[in-house]
Amino acid sequence: MQGVVGIVADIQRSSIHDGPGIRTTVFLKGCPLNCSWCHNPECIKKEPEILFYPEKCIGCNMCDKGCFSGAKVICGKEMTADEVLSEVMLDKAYYKNDGGVTFSGGEPMLQKEFVAHLSDLCHENGINTAIETSMYIFDSGVLSKMDYIMCDVKIWDDEKHKKYTGVSGEKIRENIKKADKLGIPILIRTPIIPGINDTVDEIKNIKSFVMSLENAAGYELLPYHPLGEGKRAALGLSAPDFCIPEKEKMEELKSYAHI
């Protein structure tokens, strides 16, 4: 398994939002979903891409030698599992008992061999592993290597789910049920998008599903944020027409999501 290669979009150190404790998050390229509100649009395609930020361009006409102003950014780099592990090891002292590595994206399950091998290397070095996955792809061999699983139940109605993500939500829920049988803690999340899924009935339905799981670690509601809009523009994509949910609405929905 030496030299197993993955397409890495970014490695973010000292993360506190991608699982328990302090974590190093490895963002992998490629995703079978195309969520209208995606905040990591640069991770949807598996191939490397160029993001162009015209406001940073200084007109030096030296693009062929590399962009010195940061106007052109290449997203997507081939890295071996050993190379990623070297980055991960830099923060091992901060992981303590609950921190570790989180595989994210994109959809890390599109690079199953890479994730499985890197997870083995992490465990060999005493490092906890977690995964942020759409759960559209299920592989018990890979998921069983994780110490913690995070996934979304975005929209309850399947036709609406297909409209806004491009794939079936029912398939995702079935795969979550399969993952639940692995005995690994699963955190379920719902990104709240005003006008799409910000109703009490929506949250009640999803909460009931979460409550049916034996290994649910919790249920979180995440407010839509526009962090992906700048990256969408840099990729030449149109901006989504969504807004940040009001604080009062989030508090109301959270009262129904509490478990």
Protein backbone atom coordinates (compact mmCIF):
# COMPACT_ATOMS: atom_id res chain seq x y z
CA MET A 1 0.00 0.00 0.00
CA GLN A 2 3.02 2.27 -0.16
CA GLY A 3 2.49 5.37 -2.27
CA VAL A 4 -1.34 5.35 -2.18
CA VAL A 5 -2.30 8.71 -3.69
CA GLY A 6 -5.27 10.98 -3.04
CA ILE A 7 -6.43 14.30 -4.51
CA VAL A 8 -6.31 16.73 -1.59
CA ALA A 9 -8.02 20.13 -1.73
CA ASP A 10 -6.67 21.44 1.56
CA ILE A 11 -5.38 20.45 4.99
CA GLN A 12 -6.68 22.59 7.82
CA ARG A 13 -4.91 22.41 11.14
CA SER A 14 -6.25 23.25 14.61
CA SER A 15 -9.90 22.81 13.60
CA ILE A 16 -12.54 22.76 16.33
CA HIS A 17 -15.67 22.38 14.18
CA ASP A 18 -15.00 19.08 12.42
CA GLY A 19 -15.48 16.60 15.24
CA PRO A 20 -14.51 16.20 18.90
CA GLY A 21 -11.48 18.03 20.26
CA ILE A 22 -8.77 19.72 18.23
CA ARG A 23 -8.47 18.18 14.78
CA THR A 24 -6.59 18.28 11.52
CA THR A 25 -9.13 18.24 8.69
CA VAL A 26 -8.12 16.72 5.36
CA PHE A 27 -10.39 18.02 2.59
CA LEU A 28 -10.56 15.66 -0.37
CA LYS A 29 -11.72 16.51 -3.90
CA GLY A 30 -14.82 15.01 -5.46
CA CYS A 31 -18.47 14.73 -4.42
CA PRO A 32 -21.50 12.89 -5.90
CA LEU A 33 -23.80 15.63 -4.55
CA ASN A 34 -24.14 19.15 -5.92
CA CYS A 35 -25.91 21.00 -3.12
CA SER A 36 -27.21 24.40 -4.19
CA TRP A 37 -25.79 25.97 -1.01
CA CYS A 38 -22.46 24.11 -0.90
CA HIS A 39 -19.82 26.01 1.06
CA ASN A 40 -16.98 23.95 -0.45
CA PRO A 41 -17.81 24.15 -4.19
CA GLU A 42 -14.13 23.74 -5.03
CA CYS A 43 -14.39 20.18 -3.70
CA ILE A 44 -17.22 18.99 -5.95
CA LYS A 45 -15.07 18.07 -8.96
CA LYS A 46 -12.33 15.52 -8.32
CA GLU A 47 -9.91 17.11 -10.79
CA PRO A 48 -7.68 20.06 -9.75
CA GLU A 49 -9.24 23.45 -10.50
CA ILE A 50 -8.12 27.07 -10.67
CA LEU A 51 -9.94 29.66 -8.59
CA PHE A 52 -9.51 33.20 -9.91
CA TYR A 53 -9.93 36.24 -7.65
CA PRO A 54 -9.78 39.27 -10.00
CA GLU A 55 -9.63 41.76 -7.12
CA LYS A 56 -6.19 40.37 -6.22
CA CYS A 57 -4.77 40.49 -9.74
CA ILE A 58 -1.96 43.06 -10.17
CA GLY A 59 -1.64 42.61 -13.93
CA CYS A 60 1.96 41.39 -13.79
CA ASN A 61 1.51 39.17 -16.89
CA MET A 62 3.55 36.42 -15.22
CA CYS A 63 0.81 33.82 -14.87
CA ASP A 64 2.97 31.20 -16.57
CA LYS A 65 5.51 31.48 -13.76
CA GLY A 66 2.98 31.29 -10.96
CA CYS A 67 0.63 33.80 -9.41
CA PHE A 68 2.49 35.95 -6.90
CA SER A 69 -0.53 37.99 -5.78
CA GLY A 70 -2.81 35.06 -4.95
CA ALA A 71 -5.29 35.92 -7.70
CA LYS A 72 -5.05 32.40 -9.15
CA VAL A 73 -5.22 29.54 -6.70
CA ILE A 74 -4.90 25.89 -7.69
CA CYS A 75 -7.21 23.63 -5.68
CA GLY A 76 -6.34 19.95 -5.83
CA LYS A 77 -2.99 18.33 -5.26
CA GLU A 78 -1.87 14.72 -5.48
CA MET A 79 -0.49 13.59 -2.14
CA THR A 80 0.51 10.20 -0.82
CA ALA A 81 -0.95 8.95 2.45
CA ASP A 82 2.53 9.24 3.99
CA GLU A 83 2.77 12.89 2.94
CA VAL A 84 -0.58 13.68 4.54
CA LEU A 85 0.40 11.77 7.68
CA SER A 86 3.50 13.95 7.97
CA GLU A 87 1.23 17.02 8.09
CA VAL A 88 -1.07 15.34 10.59
CA MET A 89 1.78 14.41 12.92
CA LEU A 90 2.73 18.07 13.34
CA ASP A 91 -0.31 18.56 15.58
CA LYS A 92 -0.34 15.22 17.39
CA ALA A 93 0.54 16.84 20.73
CA TYR A 94 -2.69 18.88 20.58
CA TYR A 95 -5.10 16.01 19.90
CA LYS A 96 -5.07 14.67 23.48
CA ASN A 97 -7.73 11.98 24.06
CA ASP A 98 -10.58 13.17 21.85
CA GLY A 99 -8.95 15.09 18.98
CA GLY A 100 -7.45 13.66 15.82
CA VAL A 101 -7.92 13.63 12.06
CA THR A 102 -11.13 14.29 10.15
CA PHE A 103 -11.58 13.26 6.52
CA SER A 104 -13.85 15.74 4.79
CA GLY A 105 -14.50 17.20 1.35
CA GLY A 106 -16.20 16.93 -0.96
CA GLU A 107 -16.98 13.32 -0.28
CA PRO A 108 -14.01 11.36 1.13
CA MET A 109 -15.71 8.05 0.31
CA LEU A 110 -15.00 8.71 -3.38
CA GLN A 111 -11.35 8.08 -2.45
CA LYS A 112 -11.98 5.01 -0.30
CA GLU A 113 -8.61 3.29 -0.74
CA PHE A 114 -6.75 6.48 0.20
CA VAL A 115 -8.95 7.14 3.25
CA ALA A 116 -8.71 3.53 4.45
CA HIS A 117 -4.91 3.47 4.18
CA LEU A 118 -4.48 6.87 5.79
CA SER A 119 -6.81 5.86 8.61
CA ASP A 120 -4.70 2.76 9.25
CA LEU A 121 -1.56 4.92 9.38
CA CYS A 122 -3.23 7.30 11.84
CA HIS A 123 -4.28 4.47 14.14
CA GLU A 124 -0.79 2.97 13.99
CA ASN A 125 0.42 6.31 15.35
CA GLY A 126 -2.25 6.54 18.06
CA ILE A 127 -4.37 9.13 16.24
CA ASN A 128 -8.17 9.10 16.32
CA THR A 129 -10.01 9.30 12.97
CA ALA A 130 -13.38 10.78 11.99
CA ILE A 131 -15.19 11.31 8.72
CA GLU A 132 -17.58 13.96 7.41
CA THR A 133 -19.55 12.18 4.72
CA SER A 134 -22.75 12.66 2.74
CA MET A 135 -23.39 8.94 3.38
CA TYR A 136 -24.44 8.61 -0.26
CA ILE A 137 -21.69 6.00 -0.58
CA PHE A 138 -21.59 3.17 1.94
CA ASP A 139 -18.60 0.92 2.53
CA SER A 140 -18.49 -0.88 5.86
CA GLY A 141 -14.80 -1.69 5.40
CA VAL A 142 -13.87 1.99 5.32
CA LEU A 143 -16.42 3.35 7.78
CA SER A 144 -15.55 0.68 10.37
CA LYS A 145 -12.05 2.21 10.53
CA MET A 146 -13.52 5.47 11.84
CA ASP A 147 -13.87 6.41 15.49
CA TYR A 148 -16.56 9.01 14.75
CA ILE A 149 -18.93 9.68 11.86
CA MET A 150 -20.60 12.96 10.88
CA CYS A 151 -23.23 13.21 8.17
CA ASP A 152 -26.15 15.35 7.06
CA VAL A 153 -29.83 14.68 6.71
CA LYS A 154 -30.47 17.80 4.67
CA ILE A 155 -34.10 17.58 3.48
CA TRP A 156 -36.78 15.04 4.42
CA ASP A 157 -38.84 15.03 1.21
CA ASP A 158 -37.01 12.93 -1.38
CA GLU A 159 -38.08 14.85 -4.48
CA LYS A 160 -37.07 18.11 -2.85
CA HIS A 161 -33.78 16.52 -1.81
CA LYS A 162 -33.09 15.50 -5.40
CA LYS A 163 -33.94 19.00 -6.64
CA TYR A 164 -31.48 20.78 -4.35
CA THR A 165 -28.70 18.18 -4.00
CA GLY A 166 -28.99 16.08 -7.16
CA VAL A 167 -29.35 12.75 -5.32
CA SER A 168 -31.84 10.72 -3.30
CA GLY A 169 -32.21 11.49 0.38
CA GLU A 170 -33.84 8.12 0.97
CA LYS A 171 -30.66 6.37 -0.15
CA ILE A 172 -28.67 8.47 2.31
CA ARG A 173 -30.99 7.58 5.18
CA GLU A 174 -30.77 3.88 4.32
CA ASN A 175 -26.98 4.09 4.37
CA ILE A 176 -27.06 5.87 7.72
CA LYS A 177 -29.09 2.93 9.09
CA LYS A 178 -26.42 0.56 7.79
CA ALA A 179 -23.67 2.65 9.38
CA ASP A 180 -25.58 2.65 12.67
CA LYS A 181 -25.09 -1.12 12.86
CA LEU A 182 -21.30 -0.63 12.95
CA GLY A 183 -21.54 0.63 16.53
CA ILE A 184 -19.70 3.89 15.83
CA PRO A 185 -21.01 7.23 17.21
CA ILE A 186 -22.84 9.14 14.45
CA LEU A 187 -23.51 12.88 14.63
CA ILE A 188 -26.39 13.96 12.38
CA ARG A 189 -26.51 17.52 11.07
CA THR A 190 -29.00 19.59 9.10
CA PRO A 191 -27.91 22.79 7.34
CA ILE A 192 -30.80 25.24 7.74
CA ILE A 193 -31.58 26.97 4.43
CA PRO A 194 -34.38 29.57 4.64
CA GLY A 195 -37.24 28.71 2.33
CA ILE A 196 -35.97 25.16 1.79
CA ASN A 197 -35.99 23.21 5.06
CA ASP A 198 -36.57 25.73 7.85
CA THR A 199 -39.89 24.39 9.13
CA VAL A 200 -40.83 22.71 12.38
CA ASP A 201 -42.30 19.70 10.55
CA GLU A 202 -39.04 19.22 8.65
CA ILE A 203 -36.99 19.19 11.84
CA LYS A 204 -39.46 16.95 13.66
CA ASN A 205 -39.27 14.35 10.88
CA ILE A 206 -35.48 14.35 10.88
CA LYS A 207 -35.30 14.26 14.67
CA SER A 208 -37.57 11.20 14.74
CA PHE A 209 -35.19 9.50 12.32
CA VAL A 210 -32.20 10.42 14.50
CA MET A 211 -33.97 9.07 17.59
CA SER A 212 -34.42 5.72 15.83
CA LEU A 213 -30.64 5.25 15.61
CA GLU A 214 -28.89 3.26 18.33
CA ASN A 215 -25.58 5.10 18.04
CA ALA A 216 -26.66 8.70 17.46
CA ALA A 217 -24.12 11.00 19.11
CA GLY A 218 -26.39 14.02 18.70
CA TYR A 219 -28.39 16.14 16.27
CA GLU A 220 -27.14 19.59 15.25
CA LEU A 221 -28.68 22.38 13.18
CA LEU A 222 -26.21 24.49 11.22
CA PRO A 223 -27.30 27.90 9.86
CA TYR A 224 -26.56 28.57 6.20
CA HIS A 225 -23.55 30.82 5.76
CA PRO A 226 -22.28 32.55 2.60
CA LEU A 227 -18.65 31.43 2.91
CA GLY A 228 -18.90 29.47 -0.33
CA GLU A 229 -20.13 32.39 -2.43
CA GLY A 230 -16.69 33.90 -3.00
CA LYS A 231 -15.31 30.53 -4.05
CA ARG A 232 -18.23 29.94 -6.40
CA ALA A 233 -17.50 33.27 -8.09
CA ALA A 234 -13.80 32.37 -8.32
CA LEU A 235 -14.80 29.16 -10.11
CA GLY A 236 -17.03 31.06 -12.52
CA LEU A 237 -20.23 29.67 -10.99
CA SER A 238 -23.40 31.63 -10.33
CA ALA A 239 -24.10 32.71 -6.77
CA PRO A 240 -26.92 30.95 -4.88
CA ASP A 241 -29.93 32.99 -3.80
CA PHE A 242 -29.95 32.05 -0.12
CA CYS A 243 -29.81 34.08 3.06
CA ILE A 244 -28.64 33.50 6.61
CA PRO A 245 -31.52 32.30 8.83
CA GLU A 246 -32.67 34.68 11.52
CA LYS A 247 -31.43 33.96 15.03
CA GLU A 248 -34.99 33.65 16.37
CA LYS A 249 -35.83 31.04 13.72
CA MET A 250 -32.72 29.02 14.56
CA GLU A 251 -33.56 29.07 18.26
CA GLU A 252 -37.11 27.88 17.52
CA LEU A 253 -35.92 25.01 15.34
CA LYS A 254 -33.22 24.03 17.83
CA SER A 255 -35.87 23.65 20.52
CA TYR A 256 -37.47 20.90 18.41
CA ALA A 257 -34.12 19.33 17.47
CA HIS A 258 -32.91 18.83 21.03
CA ILE A 259 -32.40 15.20 21.99
